[in-house]
Structure formats: structure tokens, C-alpha cells
Amino acid sequence: MGQKTNPIGFRVAVTRPWDARWYDDKNFAQKLEEDNLIRSYVKNRLKRAGLSKLTIDRTTKRIVVTIYTSRPGVVIGKSGKEIAQIEEELKNVTGGKEVKILITEVKRPETDAQLIGDQIAQQLEGRIGFRRAMKGAISAAMRAGAEGVRIKCGGRLGGSEIARTEQYKDGRIPLHTLRADIDFARSTANTIYGTIGVKVWVCHGDIIGQTPLQLAAEVAVNGVEQQDKRPIVSAAGGERRRRGGGRGRSDRDERGGSERGGDRGDRRSEPRGESGSTEPAVLKPRRPRATSRPETSTTSGPIIRQKV
């Protein structure tokens, strides 16, 4: 039997950082339970805000919660009232601890696995066909720049009596490649005939250069309130072009003109007449082209062509 593992847990501490960055020897279980309480409370509080993930950083004085969302305006609220209210609510949930909330916008929600799964779950609850929802999400993600998408739905699909599982995929999803940036998420659709589970895998390409784990280490050194930067994720060709490798327009300009005939631009800039005048130079008459058929002529009559 194939042994399936979570793609996110498989890459933690290799190319992916932890979602909770803290450690405590004595009160580990208590703080872990507190983290789960914070996550569940924020997700239930902001159901329609397009939440992707939450990261929790702890210091000796306070808790810093970073919310990744596709709709930051809903989380922040008018003049920041909503986010201030959430901070007060989390302070009561954690027993009076100071909580600071940071907001990070998800630039491309079509390629985020959690947002894709939540969208499909909402469509299934609205009685939209599961095949239509899955194929639409895959096509939207591929158009947005994802290298591969795989979606699996399981349960009483279409209201059938017997539960089954169906999946669709497009592109490449290399689960065994550790440098591949693969996002994974689960979501649940509560329909009138039962629950339907949704699993989503999204491949964003290969991680080239600085990994998210190194970025998280820099954030931990420089301060937990510094927002994370997205890693350089692309195929090898795109990364080489972005770094200035290969032959580009700037390289041709340095050589002068195009690759063929580097002095072509200099020729065009030269004056066409003598002594720098802009008048065109007089061209010499061309020598007549020799013909293969010999011609004979008389002094008084027309030209007579001999047959060969």
C-alpha cells in the first residue's frame, strides 16, 4: 500500500518554516492548547474573510498572530476598528495576555490551496455540481500561474447513496521532490445529505535561492513583527531570466545592435552624404547583368535573338 504523508509536514525544517515559532519546556502542552484555541476562534470569527493560514510567534511579553488573508479590508475594518476588537477578544480568550495581530495579503488567491478548498466547499454547499466546481478551480489556478493542481473530493457526491471519491489534476505535482513548493489544504462541505471532504494540492514551482526557512530565521533574529517575504519560486528558466542570465535585450545593446551585425546601428547613424551633409549620396550605375542567351543586333533593324 502507498504510504501517504502530509506535504507540508514532510517539508517542515527542510524548505518550509513552522506555523508556530516558540518553545517552552515546562508549559508546552498548555501553550499548544492555547494556540489551537486561538486558531479555531479566529477561523470561526472571520469565516468570510478568505483566511489562508495563521502563524503564531510568542515572546516573553506578548503573542503575535499573523493572519494571511485575501480580503484584508474585511479583517482590518473601518479605520482599524475590527482588528482592535479582535485583539481584545483574543486577550480575553488567552486569559489576559497581550495579543498583537499582523495582516498579510494573499496576492494570488487562485493559487492558494486553502482558499481553493474553501471555495469548492462553499460551492458544494450551494448545490453546484462537484465536477464543475473542481474543473473551474483547476483552470483558474493554472491561468494564475500554478505549475500543477490536484483536487480530490470524497463523500456522497451528487447526493448518491454510495459514497465515492473523485479527483482531477493538471500539470506537475512532484510530491517526492523536497525543493518543490507544494501547498496542501483540507476543507469540509456540510451538505444536506452529509459531509464532503475536499483535498487540494498546488505546486508553485521549485524553490531556488533563499528558502522560506531561512527567511523565518531572519524574521526571528530581526523581530517577530517583521512580515515574511515570499520566497523566490519559479522554474529554472524563469529564475535564470530574472537574474539577468541568458541573452536579453540589454546584452544585445552592449554588443551594439542585434546579434547579427553588431555595427548595424552605427551604420544607420552615419551621414549619407559627404562632409556630414544630409543629402543622399549619388549612386554609381550598375553594370548590366550578363544573359545566358547571346543577342545579335544590326545597325538598322531590330534586335534578333538566336535560338539555342
Foldseek 3Di string as FASTA:
>chain_A
DDDDDDLQVVQDPPQADDLEDDDDDPCPVVVVVLVVVLQVVVCVVPVPFAWQDWGWYDDPQAIEIETETQHVCVCQDDVRPNVVVSQVVSCVSVPNGGYHYHYDYDPQLLQRFASLQSVLLVVVQVVDASVVSQVVSQVSNVVVQFQKKKKKKWDCHPVNPDIDMDMDMDGDDPSVDNQWDKHKDKDWHQHPNGIMIMIMITTNAGFDDDGQNVQVVVCVVVDVPDDGDDGDHDYPVVVCVVVPHDDDPVNLVVQAHHPPPRCPVVVVPQAQDPPNDNDHDDDDDDDDDDDPFDWDDDPPDDIDGDDD
